[in-house]
PDB file of N, CA and C in Angstrom:
ATOM      1  N   MET A   1      20.852   8.965 -67.531  1.00  0.00           N
ATOM      2  CA  MET A   1      21.582   7.926 -67.296  1.00  0.00           C
ATOM      3  C   MET A   1      23.005   8.250 -66.252  1.00  0.00           C
ATOM      4  N   GLN A   2      22.968   7.749 -64.669  1.00  0.00           N
ATOM      5  CA  GLN A   2      24.121   7.729 -64.123  1.00  0.00           C
ATOM      6  C   GLN A   2      25.149   7.294 -64.539  1.00  0.00           C
ATOM      7  N   LEU A   3      26.403   8.208 -64.342  1.00  0.00           N
ATOM      8  CA  LEU A   3      27.754   8.419 -65.173  1.00  0.00           C
ATOM      9  C   LEU A   3      28.478   8.043 -63.011  1.00  0.00           C
ATOM     10  N   LYS A   4      29.955   7.429 -63.371  1.00  0.00           N
ATOM     11  CA  LYS A   4      30.556   6.915 -62.094  1.00  0.00           C
ATOM     12  C   LYS A   4      31.921   6.831 -62.364  1.00  0.00           C
ATOM     13  N   SER A   5      33.243   7.300 -61.734  1.00  0.00           N
ATOM     14  CA  SER A   5      34.077   7.080 -61.825  1.00  0.00           C
ATOM     15  C   SER A   5      35.211   6.382 -60.323  1.00  0.00           C
ATOM     16  N   THR A   6      35.050   5.102 -60.263  1.00  0.00           N
ATOM     17  CA  THR A   6      35.518   4.804 -58.610  1.00  0.00           C
ATOM     18  C   THR A   6      37.419   4.425 -58.962  1.00  0.00           C
ATOM     19  N   THR A   7      37.894   5.102 -57.940  1.00  0.00           N
ATOM     20  CA  THR A   7      39.099   4.383 -58.030  1.00  0.00           C
ATOM     21  C   THR A   7      39.361   4.131 -56.696  1.00  0.00           C
ATOM     22  N   ARG A   8      40.495   3.800 -55.374  1.00  0.00           N
ATOM     23  CA  ARG A   8      40.606   3.254 -54.426  1.00  0.00           C
ATOM     24  C   ARG A   8      40.300   4.285 -53.351  1.00  0.00           C
ATOM     25  N   HIS A   9      40.759   5.301 -53.713  1.00  0.00           N
ATOM     26  CA  HIS A   9      40.218   6.389 -52.743  1.00  0.00           C
ATOM     27  C   HIS A   9      39.237   7.726 -52.879  1.00  0.00           C
ATOM     28  N   ILE A  10      39.190   7.648 -54.265  1.00  0.00           N
ATOM     29  CA  ILE A  10      38.143   8.811 -54.801  1.00  0.00           C
ATOM     30  C   ILE A  10      36.931   8.227 -55.835  1.00  0.00           C
ATOM     31  N   ARG A  11      35.249   8.502 -55.579  1.00  0.00           N
ATOM     32  CA  ARG A  11      34.174   8.255 -56.272  1.00  0.00           C
ATOM     33  C   ARG A  11      34.151   9.120 -56.584  1.00  0.00           C
ATOM     34  N   ILE A  12      33.463   9.316 -57.961  1.00  0.00           N
ATOM     35  CA  ILE A  12      33.419  10.501 -58.754  1.00  0.00           C
ATOM     36  C   ILE A  12      31.218  10.204 -59.378  1.00  0.00           C
ATOM     37  N   TYR A  13      30.418  10.882 -59.009  1.00  0.00           N
ATOM     38  CA  TYR A  13      28.652  10.336 -59.987  1.00  0.00           C
ATOM     39  C   TYR A  13      28.452  11.986 -60.020  1.00  0.00           C
ATOM     40  N   THR A  14      28.044  11.357 -61.038  1.00  0.00           N
ATOM     41  CA  THR A  14      27.164  12.322 -62.058  1.00  0.00           C
ATOM     42  C   THR A  14      25.809  12.631 -61.254  1.00  0.00           C
ATOM     43  N   ALA A  15      25.598  13.015 -59.730  1.00  0.00           N
ATOM     44  CA  ALA A  15      24.724  12.621 -59.091  1.00  0.00           C
ATOM     45  C   ALA A  15      25.368  13.985 -57.841  1.00  0.00           C
ATOM     46  N   ILE A  16      23.651  13.860 -56.940  1.00  0.00           N
ATOM     47  CA  ILE A  16      23.727  15.312 -56.398  1.00  0.00           C
ATOM     48  C   ILE A  16      23.734  13.518 -54.994  1.00  0.00           C
ATOM     49  N   LEU A  17      23.307  14.577 -53.601  1.00  0.00           N
ATOM     50  CA  LEU A  17      23.234  13.529 -52.664  1.00  0.00           C
ATOM     51  C   LEU A  17      22.119  14.218 -51.751  1.00  0.00           C
ATOM     52  N   GLU A  18      21.131  14.005 -51.742  1.00  0.00           N
ATOM     53  CA  GLU A  18      19.768  14.331 -50.958  1.00  0.00           C
ATOM     54  C   GLU A  18      19.067  12.629 -49.978  1.00  0.00           C
ATOM     55  N   ASP A  19      19.448  13.592 -48.565  1.00  0.00           N
ATOM     56  CA  ASP A  19      18.632  12.609 -47.707  1.00  0.00           C
ATOM     57  C   ASP A  19      19.805  11.185 -47.949  1.00  0.00           C
ATOM     58  N   ASN A  20      21.239  11.203 -47.691  1.00  0.00           N
ATOM     59  CA  ASN A  20      22.121  10.390 -48.165  1.00  0.00           C
ATOM     60  C   ASN A  20      21.852   9.736 -48.865  1.00  0.00           C
ATOM     61  N   GLU A  21      20.862  10.000 -50.316  1.00  0.00           N
ATOM     62  CA  GLU A  21      20.408   9.089 -51.072  1.00  0.00           C
ATOM     63  C   GLU A  21      21.241   9.848 -52.777  1.00  0.00           C
ATOM     64  N   LEU A  22      21.711   8.839 -53.272  1.00  0.00           N
ATOM     65  CA  LEU A  22      22.326   9.792 -54.589  1.00  0.00           C
ATOM     66  C   LEU A  22      21.817   9.625 -55.276  1.00  0.00           C
ATOM     67  N   VAL A  23      21.216  10.831 -55.980  1.00  0.00           N
ATOM     68  CA  VAL A  23      20.249  11.514 -57.161  1.00  0.00           C
ATOM     69  C   VAL A  23      20.430  11.767 -58.128  1.00  0.00           C
ATOM     70  N   PRO A  24      19.936  11.143 -59.699  1.00  0.00           N
ATOM     71  CA  PRO A  24      21.135  11.497 -60.752  1.00  0.00           C
ATOM     72  C   PRO A  24      21.430  12.891 -61.184  1.00  0.00           C
ATOM     73  N   SER A  25      22.226  13.230 -61.503  1.00  0.00           N
ATOM     74  CA  SER A  25      22.317  14.642 -62.101  1.00  0.00           C
ATOM     75  C   SER A  25      22.995  14.867 -63.586  1.00  0.00           C
ATOM     76  N   ASN A  26      22.670  15.205 -64.523  1.00  0.00           N
ATOM     77  CA  ASN A  26      22.857  15.876 -65.717  1.00  0.00           C
ATOM     78  C   ASN A  26      24.081  16.878 -65.838  1.00  0.00           C
ATOM     79  N   ASP A  27      23.680  17.413 -64.746  1.00  0.00           N
ATOM     80  CA  ASP A  27      25.101  18.768 -65.260  1.00  0.00           C
ATOM     81  C   ASP A  27      25.615  18.842 -63.468  1.00  0.00           C
ATOM     82  N   LEU A  28      25.321  17.904 -62.086  1.00  0.00           N
ATOM     83  CA  LEU A  28      26.136  17.595 -61.029  1.00  0.00           C
ATOM     84  C   LEU A  28      27.060  16.713 -60.774  1.00  0.00           C
ATOM     85  N   LEU A  29      28.580  17.414 -60.659  1.00  0.00           N
ATOM     86  CA  LEU A  29      29.160  15.757 -59.927  1.00  0.00           C
ATOM     87  C   LEU A  29      29.249  16.084 -58.346  1.00  0.00           C
ATOM     88  N   THR A  30      29.045  14.607 -57.767  1.00  0.00           N
ATOM     89  CA  THR A  30      29.551  14.688 -56.378  1.00  0.00           C
ATOM     90  C   THR A  30      30.822  13.646 -56.271  1.00  0.00           C
ATOM     91  N   ILE A  31      31.699  13.984 -55.081  1.00  0.00           N
ATOM     92  CA  ILE A  31      32.983  13.550 -54.825  1.00  0.00           C
ATOM     93  C   ILE A  31      32.827  13.046 -53.529  1.00  0.00           C
ATOM     94  N   ASP A  32      33.461  11.565 -53.435  1.00  0.00           N
ATOM     95  CA  ASP A  32      33.263  10.881 -51.853  1.00  0.00           C
ATOM     96  C   ASP A  32      34.868  10.409 -51.341  1.00  0.00           C
ATOM     97  N   ILE A  33      35.534  11.244 -51.372  1.00  0.00           N
ATOM     98  CA  ILE A  33      36.908  10.993 -50.581  1.00  0.00           C
ATOM     99  C   ILE A  33      37.368   9.735 -49.909  1.00  0.00           C
ATOM    100  N   ASP A  34      38.064   9.183 -50.110  1.00  0.00           N
ATOM    101  CA  ASP A  34      37.819   7.546 -49.201  1.00  0.00           C
ATOM    102  C   ASP A  34      37.117   6.767 -48.409  1.00  0.00           C
ATOM    103  N   PRO A  35      36.036   6.927 -49.468  1.00  0.00           N
ATOM    104  CA  PRO A  35      35.087   5.929 -48.165  1.00  0.00           C
ATOM    105  C   PRO A  35      35.214   5.242 -47.316  1.00  0.00           C
ATOM    106  N   ASP A  36      36.074   4.291 -47.653  1.00  0.00           N
ATOM    107  CA  ASP A  36      36.504   3.057 -47.027  1.00  0.00           C
ATOM    108  C   ASP A  36      37.527   3.433 -46.032  1.00  0.00           C
ATOM    109  N   ASN A  37      37.431   4.950 -45.286  1.00  0.00           N
ATOM    110  CA  ASN A  37      38.083   5.290 -44.413  1.00  0.00           C
ATOM    111  C   ASN A  37      39.830   4.620 -44.104  1.00  0.00           C
ATOM    112  N   GLU A  38      40.415   4.383 -45.246  1.00  0.00           N
ATOM    113  CA  GLU A  38      41.744   3.894 -45.294  1.00  0.00           C
ATOM    114  C   GLU A  38      42.861   4.709 -45.011  1.00  0.00           C
ATOM    115  N   LEU A  39      42.176   5.870 -45.323  1.00  0.00           N
ATOM    116  CA  LEU A  39      43.697   6.692 -44.937  1.00  0.00           C
ATOM    117  C   LEU A  39      43.111   8.150 -43.570  1.00  0.00           C
ATOM    118  N   ASN A  40      44.191   8.300 -42.788  1.00  0.00           N
ATOM    119  CA  ASN A  40      43.871   9.668 -41.775  1.00  0.00           C
ATOM    120  C   ASN A  40      44.440  10.750 -42.639  1.00  0.00           C
ATOM    121  N   TRP A  41      43.359  12.073 -42.653  1.00  0.00           N
ATOM    122  CA  TRP A  41      43.557  12.697 -43.412  1.00  0.00           C
ATOM    123  C   TRP A  41      43.131  14.234 -42.561  1.00  0.00           C
ATOM    124  N   ASN A  42      43.457  15.466 -42.782  1.00  0.00           N
ATOM    125  CA  ASN A  42      43.620  16.455 -42.096  1.00  0.00           C
ATOM    126  C   ASN A  42      43.012  17.466 -42.947  1.00  0.00           C
ATOM    127  N   ASP A  43      42.156  18.275 -42.137  1.00  0.00           N
ATOM    128  CA  ASP A  43      41.535  19.434 -43.321  1.00  0.00           C
ATOM    129  C   ASP A  43      42.561  19.844 -44.173  1.00  0.00           C
ATOM    130  N   GLU A  44      42.999  19.959 -44.243  1.00  0.00           N
ATOM    131  CA  GLU A  44      44.122  21.320 -45.001  1.00  0.00           C
ATOM    132  C   GLU A  44      44.200  19.993 -46.448  1.00  0.00           C
ATOM    133  N   SER A  45      44.382  19.066 -46.351  1.00  0.00           N
ATOM    134  CA  SER A  45      45.118  17.844 -47.120  1.00  0.00           C
ATOM    135  C   SER A  45      43.133  17.779 -48.159  1.00  0.00           C
ATOM    136  N   VAL A  46      42.386  17.390 -47.425  1.00  0.00           N
ATOM    137  CA  VAL A  46      40.868  17.820 -47.677  1.00  0.00           C
ATOM    138  C   VAL A  46      40.746  18.435 -48.733  1.00  0.00           C
ATOM    139  N   LYS A  47      40.655  19.925 -47.841  1.00  0.00           N
ATOM    140  CA  LYS A  47      40.618  20.927 -49.016  1.00  0.00           C
ATOM    141  C   LYS A  47      41.023  21.326 -50.026  1.00  0.00           C
ATOM    142  N   GLN A  48      42.446  20.573 -50.192  1.00  0.00           N
ATOM    143  CA  GLN A  48      43.349  20.592 -51.515  1.00  0.00           C
ATOM    144  C   GLN A  48      42.631  19.519 -52.321  1.00  0.00           C
ATOM    145  N   VAL A  49      41.988  18.072 -51.869  1.00  0.00           N
ATOM    146  CA  VAL A  49      41.447  17.393 -52.935  1.00  0.00           C
ATOM    147  C   VAL A  49      40.268  18.066 -53.895  1.00  0.00           C
ATOM    148  N   TYR A  50      39.467  19.001 -52.165  1.00  0.00           N
ATOM    149  CA  TYR A  50      38.522  19.634 -53.206  1.00  0.00           C
ATOM    150  C   TYR A  50      38.427  20.684 -54.153  1.00  0.00           C
ATOM    151  N   ALA A  51      39.536  21.478 -53.843  1.00  0.00           N
ATOM    152  CA  ALA A  51      40.419  22.011 -54.554  1.00  0.00           C
ATOM    153  C   ALA A  51      40.328  21.603 -56.261  1.00  0.00           C
ATOM    154  N   LYS A  52      41.386  20.672 -55.946  1.00  0.00           N
ATOM    155  CA  LYS A  52      42.102  19.926 -57.730  1.00  0.00           C
ATOM    156  C   LYS A  52      40.969  19.637 -57.928  1.00  0.00           C
ATOM    157  N   PHE A  53      39.866  18.840 -57.649  1.00  0.00           N
ATOM    158  CA  PHE A  53      38.878  18.965 -58.073  1.00  0.00           C
ATOM    159  C   PHE A  53      37.678  19.627 -59.067  1.00  0.00           C
ATOM    160  N   ASP A  54      38.023  20.576 -58.480  1.00  0.00           N
ATOM    161  CA  ASP A  54      37.070  22.069 -58.619  1.00  0.00           C
ATOM    162  C   ASP A  54      37.706  22.421 -60.250  1.00  0.00           C
ATOM    163  N   GLN A  55      39.301  22.727 -60.265  1.00  0.00           N
ATOM    164  CA  GLN A  55      39.971  23.024 -61.037  1.00  0.00           C
ATOM    165  C   GLN A  55      39.739  22.054 -61.957  1.00  0.00           C
ATOM    166  N   LEU A  56      39.757  20.297 -61.903  1.00  0.00           N
ATOM    167  CA  LEU A  56      39.833  19.663 -63.182  1.00  0.00           C
ATOM    168  C   LEU A  56      38.505  19.871 -63.453  1.00  0.00           C
ATOM    169  N   VAL A  57      37.500  19.709 -63.053  1.00  0.00           N
ATOM    170  CA  VAL A  57      36.316  19.897 -63.486  1.00  0.00           C
ATOM    171  C   VAL A  57      36.212  21.363 -64.515  1.00  0.00           C
ATOM    172  N   ASP A  58      36.141  22.401 -64.122  1.00  0.00           N
ATOM    173  CA  ASP A  58      36.682  23.601 -64.955  1.00  0.00           C
ATOM    174  C   ASP A  58      37.182  23.058 -65.939  1.00  0.00           C
ATOM    175  N   ALA A  59      38.254  22.314 -66.126  1.00  0.00           N
ATOM    176  CA  ALA A  59      39.316  22.229 -67.481  1.00  0.00           C
ATOM    177  C   ALA A  59      38.348  21.774 -68.117  1.00  0.00           C
ATOM    178  N   TYR A  60      37.229  20.686 -67.995  1.00  0.00           N
ATOM    179  CA  TYR A  60      36.095  20.024 -68.668  1.00  0.00           C
ATOM    180  C   TYR A  60      35.068  20.697 -69.232  1.00  0.00           C
ATOM    181  N   GLU A  61      34.854  22.109 -68.691  1.00  0.00           N
ATOM    182  CA  GLU A  61      33.756  22.616 -69.258  1.00  0.00           C
ATOM    183  C   GLU A  61      33.668  22.645 -70.622  1.00  0.00           C
ATOM    184  N   GLY A  62      32.761  22.760 -71.051  1.00  0.00           N
ATOM    185  CA  GLY A  62      32.177  22.641 -72.845  1.00  0.00           C
ATOM    186  C   GLY A  62      32.256  21.558 -73.160  1.00  0.00           C
ATOM    187  N   GLU A  63      33.002  20.171 -72.437  1.00  0.00           N
ATOM    188  CA  GLU A  63      33.192  19.032 -73.124  1.00  0.00           C
ATOM    189  C   GLU A  63      31.804  18.063 -72.960  1.00  0.00           C
ATOM    190  N   ASP A  64      31.673  17.425 -73.471  1.00  0.00           N
ATOM    191  CA  ASP A  64      31.038  16.313 -73.128  1.00  0.00           C
ATOM    192  C   ASP A  64      31.266  15.253 -71.205  1.00  0.00           C
ATOM    193  N   LEU A  65      29.843  15.121 -70.990  1.00  0.00           N
ATOM    194  CA  LEU A  65      29.989  14.587 -69.427  1.00  0.00           C
ATOM    195  C   LEU A  65      30.248  12.780 -70.192  1.00  0.00           C
ATOM    196  N   THR A  66      31.234  12.236 -70.473  1.00  0.00           N
ATOM    197  CA  THR A  66      31.158  11.105 -69.994  1.00  0.00           C
ATOM    198  C   THR A  66      32.297  10.070 -69.266  1.00  0.00           C
ATOM    199  N   GLU A  67      31.985   9.204 -68.935  1.00  0.00           N
ATOM    200  CA  GLU A  67      32.346   8.264 -67.994  1.00  0.00           C
ATOM    201  C   GLU A  67      34.198   8.238 -68.372  1.00  0.00           C
ATOM    202  N   TYR A  68      34.446   8.167 -69.325  1.00  0.00           N
ATOM    203  CA  TYR A  68      36.236   7.945 -69.692  1.00  0.00           C
ATOM    204  C   TYR A  68      36.701   9.485 -69.021  1.00  0.00           C
ATOM    205  N   ASN A  69      36.068  10.992 -69.059  1.00  0.00           N
ATOM    206  CA  ASN A  69      36.002  11.953 -68.806  1.00  0.00           C
ATOM    207  C   ASN A  69      36.595  11.952 -67.062  1.00  0.00           C
ATOM    208  N   LEU A  70      35.155  11.315 -66.702  1.00  0.00           N
ATOM    209  CA  LEU A  70      35.376  11.134 -65.377  1.00  0.00           C
ATOM    210  C   LEU A  70      36.460  10.160 -64.725  1.00  0.00           C
ATOM    211  N   ARG A  71      36.747   9.221 -65.499  1.00  0.00           N
ATOM    212  CA  ARG A  71      37.858   8.433 -64.875  1.00  0.00           C
ATOM    213  C   ARG A  71      39.236   9.679 -65.285  1.00  0.00           C
ATOM    214  N   ARG A  72      39.627  10.155 -65.775  1.00  0.00           N
ATOM    215  CA  ARG A  72      40.317  10.539 -66.491  1.00  0.00           C
ATOM    216  C   ARG A  72      40.521  12.002 -64.844  1.00  0.00           C
ATOM    217  N   ILE A  73      39.620  11.858 -64.335  1.00  0.00           N
ATOM    218  CA  ILE A  73      39.467  13.291 -63.059  1.00  0.00           C
ATOM    219  C   ILE A  73      39.772  12.793 -61.924  1.00  0.00           C
ATOM    220  N   GLY A  74      38.893  10.976 -61.557  1.00  0.00           N
ATOM    221  CA  GLY A  74      39.290  10.710 -60.728  1.00  0.00           C
ATOM    222  C   GLY A  74      41.116   9.892 -60.447  1.00  0.00           C
ATOM    223  N   SER A  75      41.617   9.787 -61.630  1.00  0.00           N
ATOM    224  CA  SER A  75      42.854   9.119 -61.581  1.00  0.00           C
ATOM    225  C   SER A  75      43.932  10.201 -61.288  1.00  0.00           C
ATOM    226  N   GLU A  76      43.073  11.269 -61.790  1.00  0.00           N
ATOM    227  CA  GLU A  76      43.979  12.663 -61.272  1.00  0.00           C
ATOM    228  C   GLU A  76      44.231  12.802 -60.216  1.00  0.00           C
ATOM    229  N   LEU A  77      43.197  12.666 -59.233  1.00  0.00           N
ATOM    230  CA  LEU A  77      43.224  12.850 -57.641  1.00  0.00           C
ATOM    231  C   LEU A  77      43.593  11.642 -57.265  1.00  0.00           C
ATOM    232  N   GLU A  78      43.475  10.977 -57.692  1.00  0.00           N
ATOM    233  CA  GLU A  78      44.030   9.464 -56.951  1.00  0.00           C
ATOM    234  C   GLU A  78      45.704   9.645 -57.005  1.00  0.00           C
ATOM    235  N   HIS A  79      46.058  10.130 -58.236  1.00  0.00           N
ATOM    236  CA  HIS A  79      47.696  10.311 -58.238  1.00  0.00           C
ATOM    237  C   HIS A  79      48.126  11.440 -57.007  1.00  0.00           C
ATOM    238  N   LEU A  80      47.013  12.506 -56.598  1.00  0.00           N
ATOM    239  CA  LEU A  80      47.350  13.778 -55.705  1.00  0.00           C
ATOM    240  C   LEU A  80      47.197  13.001 -54.196  1.00  0.00           C
ATOM    241  N   VAL A  81      46.014  12.023 -54.191  1.00  0.00           N
ATOM    242  CA  VAL A  81      46.511  11.546 -52.699  1.00  0.00           C
ATOM    243  C   VAL A  81      47.613  10.237 -52.455  1.00  0.00           C
ATOM    244  N   ARG A  82      48.110   9.615 -53.824  1.00  0.00           N
ATOM    245  CA  ARG A  82      49.241   9.159 -53.737  1.00  0.00           C
ATOM    246  C   ARG A  82      50.220  10.250 -53.133  1.00  0.00           C
ATOM    247  N   SER A  83      50.387  11.364 -53.653  1.00  0.00           N
ATOM    248  CA  SER A  83      51.383  12.338 -53.260  1.00  0.00           C
ATOM    249  C   SER A  83      51.787  13.143 -51.785  1.00  0.00           C
ATOM    250  N   PHE A  84      50.064  12.996 -51.719  1.00  0.00           N
ATOM    251  CA  PHE A  84      49.899  13.117 -50.232  1.00  0.00           C
ATOM    252  C   PHE A  84      50.550  12.075 -48.666  1.00  0.00           C
ATOM    253  N   LEU A  85      50.678  10.756 -49.655  1.00  0.00           N
ATOM    254  CA  LEU A  85      51.086   9.804 -48.701  1.00  0.00           C
ATOM    255  C   LEU A  85      52.574   9.598 -48.680  1.00  0.00           C
ATOM    256  N   GLN A  86      53.339   9.967 -49.827  1.00  0.00           N
ATOM    257  CA  GLN A  86      54.546  10.148 -50.498  1.00  0.00           C
ATOM    258  C   GLN A  86      55.232  11.058 -49.275  1.00  0.00           C
ATOM    259  N   LYS A  87      54.585  12.361 -48.873  1.00  0.00           N
ATOM    260  CA  LYS A  87      55.075  13.437 -48.838  1.00  0.00           C
ATOM    261  C   LYS A  87      54.733  13.297 -47.269  1.00  0.00           C
ATOM    262  N   GLY A  88      53.994  12.663 -46.526  1.00  0.00           N
ATOM    263  CA  GLY A  88      53.748  12.454 -45.099  1.00  0.00           C
ATOM    264  C   GLY A  88      52.617  13.343 -45.224  1.00  0.00           C
ATOM    265  N   GLN A  89      51.724  14.046 -45.758  1.00  0.00           N
ATOM    266  CA  GLN A  89      50.651  14.668 -45.216  1.00  0.00           C
ATOM    267  C   GLN A  89      49.597  14.057 -45.086  1.00  0.00           C
ATOM    268  N   ILE A  90      49.325  12.690 -45.075  1.00  0.00           N
ATOM    269  CA  ILE A  90      48.285  12.273 -44.691  1.00  0.00           C
ATOM    270  C   ILE A  90      49.068  10.848 -44.566  1.00  0.00           C
ATOM    271  N   SER A  91      48.274   9.867 -43.928  1.00  0.00           N
ATOM    272  CA  SER A  91      48.739   8.643 -43.629  1.00  0.00           C
ATOM    273  C   SER A  91      47.395   7.210 -43.434  1.00  0.00           C
ATOM    274  N   TYR A  92      48.355   6.586 -43.970  1.00  0.00           N
ATOM    275  CA  TYR A  92      47.076   5.033 -43.989  1.00  0.00           C
ATOM    276  C   TYR A  92      46.309   5.114 -41.926  1.00  0.00           C
ATOM    277  N   ASN A  93      45.239   4.403 -42.443  1.00  0.00           N
ATOM    278  CA  ASN A  93      44.325   4.244 -41.183  1.00  0.00           C
ATOM    279  C   ASN A  93      44.952   2.893 -40.917  1.00  0.00           C
ATOM    280  N   LEU A  94      45.704   2.898 -39.545  1.00  0.00           N
ATOM    281  CA  LEU A  94      45.852   1.142 -39.280  1.00  0.00           C
ATOM    282  C   LEU A  94      44.468   0.810 -38.488  1.00  0.00           C
ATOM    283  N   ASN A  95      43.602   1.666 -38.285  1.00  0.00           N
ATOM    284  CA  ASN A  95      42.215   0.891 -37.424  1.00  0.00           C
ATOM    285  C   ASN A  95      40.844   0.555 -38.102  1.00  0.00           C
ATOM    286  N   THR A  96      41.659   0.545 -39.505  1.00  0.00           N
ATOM    287  CA  THR A  96      40.125   0.076 -40.894  1.00  0.00           C
ATOM    288  C   THR A  96      40.119  -1.440 -40.695  1.00  0.00           C
ATOM    289  N   ARG A  97      38.974  -1.465 -41.097  1.00  0.00           N
ATOM    290  CA  ARG A  97      38.423  -3.191 -41.266  1.00  0.00           C
ATOM    291  C   ARG A  97      39.769  -4.227 -42.049  1.00  0.00           C
ATOM    292  N   ALA A  98      40.279  -3.415 -42.805  1.00  0.00           N
ATOM    293  CA  ALA A  98      40.941  -4.340 -43.648  1.00  0.00           C
ATOM    294  C   ALA A  98      42.448  -2.977 -44.123  1.00  0.00           C
ATOM    295  N   VAL A  99      43.388  -2.913 -43.731  1.00  0.00           N
ATOM    296  CA  VAL A  99      44.393  -2.561 -43.438  1.00  0.00           C
ATOM    297  C   VAL A  99      44.998  -2.746 -45.453  1.00  0.00           C
ATOM    298  N   ASN A 100      45.201  -1.733 -46.250  1.00  0.00           N
ATOM    299  CA  ASN A 100      45.342  -2.160 -47.758  1.00  0.00           C
ATOM    300  C   ASN A 100      47.021  -1.010 -48.142  1.00  0.00           C
ATOM    301  N   TYR A 101      47.674  -1.385 -48.440  1.00  0.00           N
ATOM    302  CA  TYR A 101      48.537  -0.407 -48.465  1.00  0.00           C
ATOM    303  C   TYR A 101      48.616  -0.346 -49.579  1.00  0.00           C
ATOM    304  N   SER A 102      47.431  -0.112 -50.639  1.00  0.00           N
ATOM    305  CA  SER A 102      47.558  -0.393 -52.347  1.00  0.00           C
ATOM    306  C   SER A 102      48.725   0.708 -52.724  1.00  0.00           C
ATOM    307  N   MET A 103      48.778   1.652 -51.958  1.00  0.00           N
ATOM    308  CA  MET A 103      49.514   3.005 -52.596  1.00  0.00           C
ATOM    309  C   MET A 103      51.370   3.274 -52.109  1.00  0.00           C
ATOM    310  N   GLY A 104      51.600   1.749 -51.557  1.00  0.00           N
ATOM    311  CA  GLY A 104      53.065   1.621 -51.244  1.00  0.00           C
ATOM    312  C   GLY A 104      53.049   1.704 -50.053  1.00  0.00           C
ATOM    313  N   LEU A 105      54.419   0.727 -48.989  1.00  0.00           N
ATOM    314  CA  LEU A 105      54.568   0.883 -47.915  1.00  0.00           C
ATOM    315  C   LEU A 105      54.223   2.155 -46.793  1.00  0.00           C
ATOM    316  N   PRO A 106      53.999   2.136 -45.314  1.00  0.00           N
ATOM    317  CA  PRO A 106      54.028   3.207 -45.050  1.00  0.00           C
ATOM    318  C   PRO A 106      54.985   4.060 -44.751  1.00  0.00           C
ATOM    319  N   ARG A 107      54.990   5.168 -44.347  1.00  0.00           N
ATOM    320  CA  ARG A 107      56.210   6.180 -44.330  1.00  0.00           C
ATOM    321  C   ARG A 107      56.912   5.969 -43.244  1.00  0.00           C
ATOM    322  N   VAL A 108      57.785   5.164 -42.508  1.00  0.00           N
ATOM    323  CA  VAL A 108      58.451   5.435 -41.762  1.00  0.00           C
ATOM    324  C   VAL A 108      59.832   6.464 -41.157  1.00  0.00           C
ATOM    325  N   ASP A 109      59.643   6.758 -39.908  1.00  0.00           N
ATOM    326  CA  ASP A 109      60.659   8.175 -39.832  1.00  0.00           C
ATOM    327  C   ASP A 109      62.066   7.141 -39.534  1.00  0.00           C
ATOM    328  N   ALA A 110      62.881   6.941 -39.968  1.00  0.00           N
ATOM    329  CA  ALA A 110      64.110   6.367 -39.141  1.00  0.00           C
ATOM    330  C   ALA A 110      64.605   7.440 -38.105  1.00  0.00           C
ATOM    331  N   LYS A 111      64.932   7.079 -37.079  1.00  0.00           N
ATOM    332  CA  LYS A 111      65.749   7.619 -35.762  1.00  0.00           C
ATOM    333  C   LYS A 111      66.463   6.568 -35.544  1.00  0.00           C
ATOM    334  N   ILE A 112      67.605   6.988 -35.507  1.00  0.00           N
ATOM    335  CA  ILE A 112      68.866   6.458 -34.767  1.00  0.00           C
ATOM    336  C   ILE A 112      69.053   6.058 -33.235  1.00  0.00           C
ATOM    337  N   HIS A 113      69.365   5.076 -32.905  1.00  0.00           N
ATOM    338  CA  HIS A 113      69.251   5.093 -31.391  1.00  0.00           C
ATOM    339  C   HIS A 113      70.931   4.867 -30.720  1.00  0.00           C
ATOM    340  N   LEU A 114      71.032   5.390 -30.153  1.00  0.00           N
ATOM    341  CA  LEU A 114      72.748   5.599 -30.176  1.00  0.00           C
ATOM    342  C   LEU A 114      72.550   4.917 -28.003  1.00  0.00           C
TER     343      LEU A 114
END
């Protein structure tokens, strides 16, 4: 049975991707970062999400693969994404089909004009 965890910007499936189709797997996970392209990413931020994902999956090694555990991993990654937004490491994509400030208002650097 395929399990999944879906947050606003992170989706995790007990499946592998073959020919653009998810094929259920009992021991492999696939992560989809920001499937709706709501955010502007840079390579370093994406690498950090993958690294954190690997770290969290390793922490659950030996435990049952459950939807609850997947949701915990997904929630941790969603918090990481929020921290990237708060630090200005990534930003909202204002060209997406539906702008949604689900993680707070965009960061705007204040400039003083004299």
